[in-house]
């Protein structure tokens, strides 16, 4: 999914994904849409014109992401 290569999303994300961040939606398709629509990179996401420091935490099983957690906070303005 890095660099917005979503053609392999189905290979890496389980159909039974458990999404722990309700703001991203409940399904794997909700998460995929969020990633595509919000310019997500390694550690930053833009949502509603706000920059967030953004980190994903995954649980893997059988080579796929089966659980997804996020940790994010607003990036403060530079002085």
Protein backbone atom coordinates (compact mmCIF):
# COMPACT_ATOMS: atom_id res chain seq x y z
CA UNK A 1 0.00 0.00 0.00
CA UNK A 2 3.04 2.21 0.28
CA UNK A 3 3.14 4.95 -2.33
CA UNK A 4 -0.56 4.36 -3.01
CA UNK A 5 -0.13 1.02 -4.77
CA UNK A 6 -3.52 -0.39 -3.82
CA UNK A 7 -3.63 -3.10 -6.46
CA UNK A 8 -2.30 -5.62 -3.90
CA UNK A 9 -4.53 -4.52 -0.99
CA UNK A 10 -6.56 -7.74 -1.15
CA UNK A 11 -3.37 -9.81 -0.94
CA UNK A 12 -2.32 -8.21 2.37
CA UNK A 13 -5.57 -7.35 4.17
CA UNK A 14 -7.81 -10.12 5.44
CA UNK A 15 -11.47 -10.27 4.46
CA UNK A 16 -12.10 -10.62 8.21
CA UNK A 17 -10.14 -7.48 9.18
CA UNK A 18 -11.02 -6.14 12.62
CA UNK A 19 -10.72 -2.35 12.45
CA UNK A 20 -10.20 -0.73 15.86
CA UNK A 21 -10.35 2.91 14.70
CA UNK A 22 -14.05 3.64 14.22
CA UNK A 23 -13.27 6.99 12.58
CA UNK A 24 -11.91 5.04 9.59
CA UNK A 25 -15.00 2.88 9.24
CA UNK A 26 -15.65 -0.70 10.24
CA UNK A 27 -14.81 -2.66 7.10
CA UNK A 28 -11.68 -3.30 5.10
CA UNK A 29 -13.22 -1.39 2.18
CA UNK A 30 -13.83 1.61 4.48
CA UNK A 31 -10.16 1.54 5.46
CA UNK A 32 -9.01 1.21 1.85
CA UNK A 33 -11.18 4.18 0.84
CA UNK A 34 -9.78 6.24 3.73
CA UNK A 35 -6.21 5.46 2.68
CA UNK A 36 -6.94 6.42 -0.92
CA UNK A 37 -8.77 9.64 -0.04
CA UNK A 38 -6.46 11.12 2.63
CA UNK A 39 -2.92 11.15 1.22
CA UNK A 40 -1.64 8.68 3.82
CA UNK A 41 2.15 8.26 3.88
CA UNK A 42 4.49 6.48 6.30
CA UNK A 43 3.77 8.72 9.26
CA UNK A 44 1.51 11.56 8.16
CA UNK A 45 -2.07 11.93 6.99
CA UNK A 46 -4.07 14.99 5.90
CA UNK A 47 -7.72 14.96 6.96
CA UNK A 48 -9.99 17.99 6.70
CA UNK A 49 -6.98 20.21 5.93
CA UNK A 50 -5.24 19.15 9.16
CA UNK A 51 -1.89 17.33 9.28
CA UNK A 52 -1.67 14.40 11.70
CA UNK A 53 1.27 12.34 12.86
CA UNK A 54 -0.12 8.89 12.11
CA UNK A 55 1.08 5.42 13.00
CA UNK A 56 -0.47 2.07 12.20
CA UNK A 57 -0.24 -1.00 14.41
CA UNK A 58 -1.15 -4.36 12.92
CA UNK A 59 -1.72 -7.91 14.03
CA UNK A 60 -0.85 -10.41 11.33
CA UNK A 61 -2.05 -13.95 10.76
CA UNK A 62 -1.23 -16.16 7.79
CA UNK A 63 0.61 -13.32 6.07
CA UNK A 64 -2.30 -10.86 6.19
CA UNK A 65 -3.38 -7.94 8.34
CA UNK A 66 -6.21 -9.18 10.54
CA UNK A 67 -6.37 -6.31 13.04
CA UNK A 68 -5.60 -2.64 12.58
CA UNK A 69 -5.08 0.06 15.21
CA UNK A 70 -4.10 3.70 14.69
CA UNK A 71 -2.39 6.25 16.85
CA UNK A 72 -2.61 9.82 15.62
CA UNK A 73 -2.35 13.40 16.85
CA UNK A 74 -2.40 16.82 15.24
CA UNK A 75 0.99 18.09 14.04
CA UNK A 76 1.55 21.47 15.72
CA UNK A 77 2.29 24.57 13.67
CA UNK A 78 5.95 25.36 13.18
CA UNK A 79 7.25 28.38 15.06
